[in-house]
Protein backbone atom coordinates (compact mmCIF):
# COMPACT_ATOMS: atom_id res chain seq x y z
CA MET A 1 42.30 63.76 -8.60
CA LYS A 2 38.79 65.13 -8.63
CA GLN A 3 37.92 62.92 -11.60
CA SER A 4 39.25 59.83 -9.81
CA THR A 5 37.20 60.62 -6.71
CA ALA A 6 34.10 61.27 -8.79
CA MET A 7 34.61 57.97 -10.61
CA ARG A 8 34.87 56.08 -7.32
CA TRP A 9 31.67 57.68 -6.07
CA LEU A 10 29.93 56.81 -9.33
CA LEU A 11 31.01 53.19 -9.14
CA ALA A 12 29.96 52.95 -5.49
CA TYR A 13 26.60 54.55 -6.26
CA SER A 14 26.02 52.20 -9.22
CA GLY A 15 26.88 49.16 -7.09
CA ALA A 16 24.58 50.24 -4.28
CA LEU A 17 21.77 50.93 -6.73
CA THR A 18 22.19 47.49 -8.35
CA VAL A 19 22.07 45.76 -4.96
CA ALA A 20 18.97 47.73 -3.98
CA VAL A 21 17.15 46.86 -7.20
CA CYS A 22 18.02 43.15 -6.90
CA ALA A 23 16.89 43.10 -3.27
CA PHE A 24 13.63 44.79 -4.21
CA LEU A 25 12.95 42.32 -6.99
CA LEU A 26 13.80 39.29 -4.86
CA THR A 27 11.82 40.35 -1.80
CA GLY A 28 8.94 41.48 -3.99
CA ALA A 29 8.80 38.13 -5.77
CA ALA A 30 8.79 36.28 -2.45
CA ALA A 31 6.35 38.56 -0.65
CA PRO A 32 3.12 36.89 0.49
CA GLY A 33 0.00 37.76 -1.41
CA LYS A 34 1.83 38.57 -4.64
CA ARG A 35 0.68 37.00 -7.88
CA ALA A 36 2.62 36.35 -11.06
CA SER A 37 1.05 35.85 -14.46
CA PHE A 38 2.62 33.83 -17.27
CA GLU A 39 1.49 32.94 -20.75
CA GLU A 40 3.63 29.80 -20.73
CA ILE A 41 5.99 28.15 -18.26
CA ASP A 42 8.27 25.09 -18.55
CA VAL A 43 9.01 23.22 -15.33
CA GLN A 44 10.08 19.73 -14.28
CA ARG A 45 8.23 19.69 -10.94
CA ILE A 46 5.85 21.85 -8.91
CA ASN A 47 5.31 21.44 -5.15
CA VAL A 48 2.15 22.95 -3.61
CA ARG A 49 2.49 23.51 0.14
CA GLU A 50 0.53 24.91 3.04
CA PRO A 51 1.88 28.07 4.75
CA ASP A 52 3.60 25.84 7.34
CA GLY A 53 5.41 23.90 4.59
CA THR A 54 3.21 20.79 4.58
CA LEU A 55 3.24 19.23 1.12
CA ARG A 56 -0.25 18.91 -0.43
CA LEU A 57 0.30 18.35 -4.16
CA VAL A 58 3.17 17.45 -6.50
CA VAL A 59 3.05 17.80 -10.29
CA SER A 60 6.14 16.20 -11.80
CA ASN A 61 7.81 14.67 -14.81
CA ARG A 62 9.12 11.10 -14.58
CA THR A 63 12.71 12.05 -13.72
CA ARG A 64 11.79 14.12 -10.65
CA PHE A 65 8.76 12.06 -9.57
CA PRO A 66 8.76 11.68 -5.76
CA GLY A 67 9.10 8.47 -3.79
CA TRP A 68 6.57 7.38 -1.19
CA ILE A 69 6.06 10.34 1.16
CA PHE A 70 4.64 9.36 4.55
CA ARG A 71 4.03 12.01 7.24
CA GLY A 72 6.32 14.38 5.41
CA GLU A 73 9.24 11.93 5.08
CA GLU A 74 10.16 10.60 1.65
CA HIS A 75 11.07 6.93 1.13
CA ARG A 76 12.66 5.58 -2.05
CA HIS A 77 9.96 4.08 -4.23
CA PRO A 78 10.80 4.17 -7.98
CA ARG A 79 7.82 4.70 -10.28
CA GLU A 80 8.31 5.00 -14.05
CA VAL A 81 5.49 7.53 -14.47
CA ALA A 82 4.75 11.23 -14.63
CA GLY A 83 1.71 13.03 -13.23
CA MET A 84 0.51 14.35 -9.90
CA LEU A 85 0.23 13.05 -6.35
CA PHE A 86 -2.13 14.24 -3.60
CA TYR A 87 -1.20 14.50 0.11
CA ASN A 88 -3.43 14.74 3.17
CA ASP A 89 -3.29 17.31 5.97
CA GLU A 90 -0.37 15.43 7.56
CA GLY A 91 1.79 15.25 4.44
CA THR A 92 1.02 11.60 3.60
CA GLU A 93 0.28 10.44 0.06
CA ASN A 94 -3.42 9.75 -0.44
CA GLY A 95 -4.00 9.39 -4.17
CA GLY A 96 -2.92 10.66 -7.53
CA LEU A 97 -3.14 10.80 -11.29
CA VAL A 98 -0.22 9.16 -13.11
CA PHE A 99 0.46 8.09 -16.68
CA GLY A 100 3.14 6.69 -18.95
CA GLY A 101 3.65 5.04 -22.30
CA SER A 102 6.40 3.78 -24.58
CA ARG A 103 7.42 0.91 -26.81
CA GLY A 104 9.47 -1.85 -25.22
CA PRO A 105 12.58 -3.50 -26.70
CA ASP A 106 10.26 -5.85 -28.59
CA GLY A 107 8.53 -2.90 -30.25
CA LYS A 108 5.24 -3.52 -28.45
CA PRO A 109 3.55 -0.58 -26.68
CA ARG A 110 3.35 -0.45 -22.90
CA ALA A 111 1.09 2.29 -21.67
CA GLY A 112 -1.32 3.22 -18.92
CA GLY A 113 -3.11 5.89 -16.97
CA HIS A 114 -4.23 5.63 -13.35
CA PHE A 115 -6.41 7.88 -11.17
CA SER A 116 -6.68 6.72 -7.56
CA PHE A 117 -7.86 7.60 -4.05
CA ASP A 118 -6.22 6.10 -0.94
CA GLN A 119 -7.51 4.96 2.41
CA TYR A 120 -6.08 6.97 5.33
CA GLU A 121 -2.43 5.94 5.80
CA GLN A 122 -3.01 3.07 3.39
CA ASP A 123 -2.94 2.42 -0.35
CA GLN A 124 -5.59 2.89 -3.03
CA VAL A 125 -9.21 1.83 -2.47
CA ALA A 126 -10.82 3.34 -5.58
CA THR A 127 -9.22 3.63 -9.02
CA PHE A 128 -10.00 4.48 -12.62
CA GLY A 129 -7.45 3.34 -15.16
CA GLN A 130 -6.43 1.81 -18.45
CA TYR A 131 -3.47 -0.41 -19.23
CA GLU A 132 -1.82 -1.97 -22.27
CA ARG A 133 1.03 -4.48 -22.27
CA ASP A 134 2.11 -7.18 -24.73
CA GLY A 135 -1.04 -6.67 -26.79
CA ILE A 136 -3.33 -7.11 -23.78
CA ARG A 137 -5.57 -4.17 -22.88
CA TRP A 138 -8.07 -3.50 -20.16
CA ALA A 139 -9.77 -0.44 -18.68
CA GLY A 140 -12.20 0.21 -15.88
CA VAL A 141 -13.13 1.22 -12.36
CA THR A 142 -12.01 -0.86 -9.38
CA VAL A 143 -12.84 -0.86 -5.68
CA LEU A 144 -10.39 -2.53 -3.30
CA ASP A 145 -9.99 -3.50 0.35
CA GLN A 146 -6.89 -2.54 2.34
CA PRO A 147 -5.90 -3.58 5.89
CA ASP A 148 -7.37 -1.58 8.78
CA GLY A 149 -4.01 -0.54 10.21
CA SER A 150 -1.44 1.96 8.98
CA VAL A 151 0.87 1.21 6.07
CA GLU A 152 3.79 2.59 8.12
CA PRO A 153 5.49 -0.82 8.70
CA VAL A 154 5.46 -1.46 4.95
CA VAL A 155 6.93 1.97 4.22
CA GLU A 156 9.72 1.41 6.75
CA HIS A 157 10.70 -1.87 5.04
CA LEU A 158 10.46 -0.73 1.40
CA GLU A 159 14.13 -1.46 0.68
CA GLU A 160 13.75 -4.98 2.03
CA LEU A 161 10.54 -5.59 0.07
CA ASN A 162 11.97 -4.27 -3.20
CA ALA A 163 14.86 -6.75 -2.95
CA LEU A 164 12.58 -9.81 -2.59
CA PRO A 165 11.15 -11.98 -5.40
CA ALA A 166 7.49 -11.23 -6.21
CA ASP A 167 5.96 -14.17 -4.30
CA GLU A 168 8.12 -13.62 -1.20
CA ARG A 169 7.51 -9.86 -1.36
CA GLN A 170 3.74 -10.35 -1.30
CA LYS A 171 3.95 -12.74 1.68
CA ARG A 172 6.23 -10.39 3.62
CA GLN A 173 4.01 -7.41 2.84
CA VAL A 174 0.99 -9.24 4.27
CA GLU A 175 2.97 -9.90 7.46
CA LEU A 176 3.98 -6.24 7.78
CA ALA A 177 0.53 -4.87 6.91
CA GLY A 178 -1.32 -7.20 9.26
CA GLY A 179 -3.45 -8.67 6.48
CA PRO A 180 -3.95 -8.95 2.72
CA ALA A 181 -3.63 -5.72 0.76
CA HIS A 182 -5.09 -4.64 -2.59
CA VAL A 183 -7.95 -7.14 -2.41
CA GLN A 184 -10.14 -6.27 -5.38
CA ARG A 185 -13.86 -6.29 -4.55
CA VAL A 186 -15.42 -4.68 -7.63
CA PHE A 187 -14.37 -4.25 -11.25
CA LEU A 188 -16.48 -2.48 -13.83
CA GLY A 189 -15.00 -2.13 -17.29
CA LYS A 190 -13.52 -3.98 -20.26
CA ASP A 191 -11.23 -6.98 -19.74
CA HIS A 192 -8.38 -8.40 -21.85
CA GLU A 193 -10.88 -10.50 -23.87
CA ARG A 194 -12.77 -7.31 -24.84
CA SER A 195 -15.76 -8.31 -22.74
CA SER A 196 -17.59 -5.59 -20.84
CA LEU A 197 -18.37 -6.81 -17.35
CA LEU A 198 -19.20 -6.17 -13.73
CA SER A 199 -17.24 -8.52 -11.48
CA LEU A 200 -18.09 -8.77 -7.76
CA LYS A 201 -15.74 -10.54 -5.34
CA ASP A 202 -15.85 -11.58 -1.69
CA ALA A 203 -13.54 -10.35 1.09
CA GLU A 204 -10.93 -12.93 0.03
CA GLY A 205 -10.83 -11.56 -3.50
CA ARG A 206 -12.68 -14.53 -5.01
CA VAL A 207 -15.05 -13.80 -7.90
CA ARG A 208 -18.61 -14.72 -6.90
CA LEU A 209 -20.83 -12.91 -9.40
CA VAL A 210 -20.19 -11.68 -12.94
CA LEU A 211 -22.42 -9.78 -15.37
CA ARG A 212 -20.78 -10.10 -18.77
CA VAL A 213 -21.30 -9.09 -22.40
CA ALA A 214 -18.70 -10.73 -24.66
CA ALA A 215 -17.16 -9.08 -27.71
CA ASP A 216 -19.52 -11.08 -29.95
CA GLY A 217 -22.56 -9.78 -28.05
CA ALA A 218 -23.29 -12.87 -25.96
CA ALA A 219 -24.62 -11.82 -22.56
CA ALA A 220 -24.76 -13.80 -19.33
CA VAL A 221 -24.94 -13.66 -15.54
CA GLU A 222 -22.57 -16.08 -13.80
CA PHE A 223 -22.57 -17.28 -10.18
CA LEU A 224 -19.34 -18.83 -8.90
CA ASP A 225 -18.39 -20.88 -5.83
CA GLU A 226 -15.36 -20.34 -3.57
CA ALA A 227 -13.16 -22.36 -5.94
CA GLY A 228 -14.02 -20.09 -8.86
CA LYS A 229 -16.23 -22.63 -10.60
CA VAL A 230 -19.36 -21.34 -12.34
CA VAL A 231 -22.25 -23.04 -10.50
CA ARG A 232 -25.02 -21.28 -12.38
CA ARG A 233 -25.10 -19.35 -15.62
CA LEU A 234 -28.09 -17.39 -16.83
CA ALA A 235 -28.41 -16.27 -20.44
CA PRO A 236 -30.96 -13.60 -21.50
CA GLU A 237 -33.43 -16.31 -22.56
CA ASP A 238 -33.17 -17.98 -19.15
CA ILE A 239 -34.01 -14.74 -17.37
CA THR A 240 -36.90 -14.05 -19.73
CA ALA A 241 -38.30 -17.53 -19.13
CA GLN A 242 -38.34 -16.91 -15.38
């Protein structure tokens, strides 16, 4: 009888001790101001938040990559990439660094990397990237114009937009955004013809001035009209003569 009672006390004591240790470890791990050190860690996604829970940074693989998060609310927006996304003080996406790469069914590589900064409650206005698809490659820095208003109407109609054909989707997006979006103004880099160039465009996205050095070394300055026709072309010898 005494042994049975002693055994029950021992089991109760062991259980209580186990609960206490687990509670200590759990509360200690979650306590503010504590730091953990690791030599190596494998994760699928990391969310960095402010003390009030506002999301500020996501680092993720492709499978767990977030949709379009606007003012803390996530909207479905599939993106076949991995990387990181930045969020402003209000929990709205405002840039990121993403990348991907694989061979398609035809065996040709499709790859790219993209580092961007967004206008407030709008899409990207400055990017640095490189892309490769179907044997065509280009890389460079771009500066873009976005509408003055918020992108909120576009976000609210993402499902509708994703279901439309490309040409209809672009037209509908302009209606929702209150003006053309992603109007490229400046490109500095290498194009698909392996020319290095500086391309300057007007507010309608029309190329008006190009400084170009072709792959064979031929250099030129080109002035274009609104229709995209070269109205004047200056080669190095022309500039020297002037």
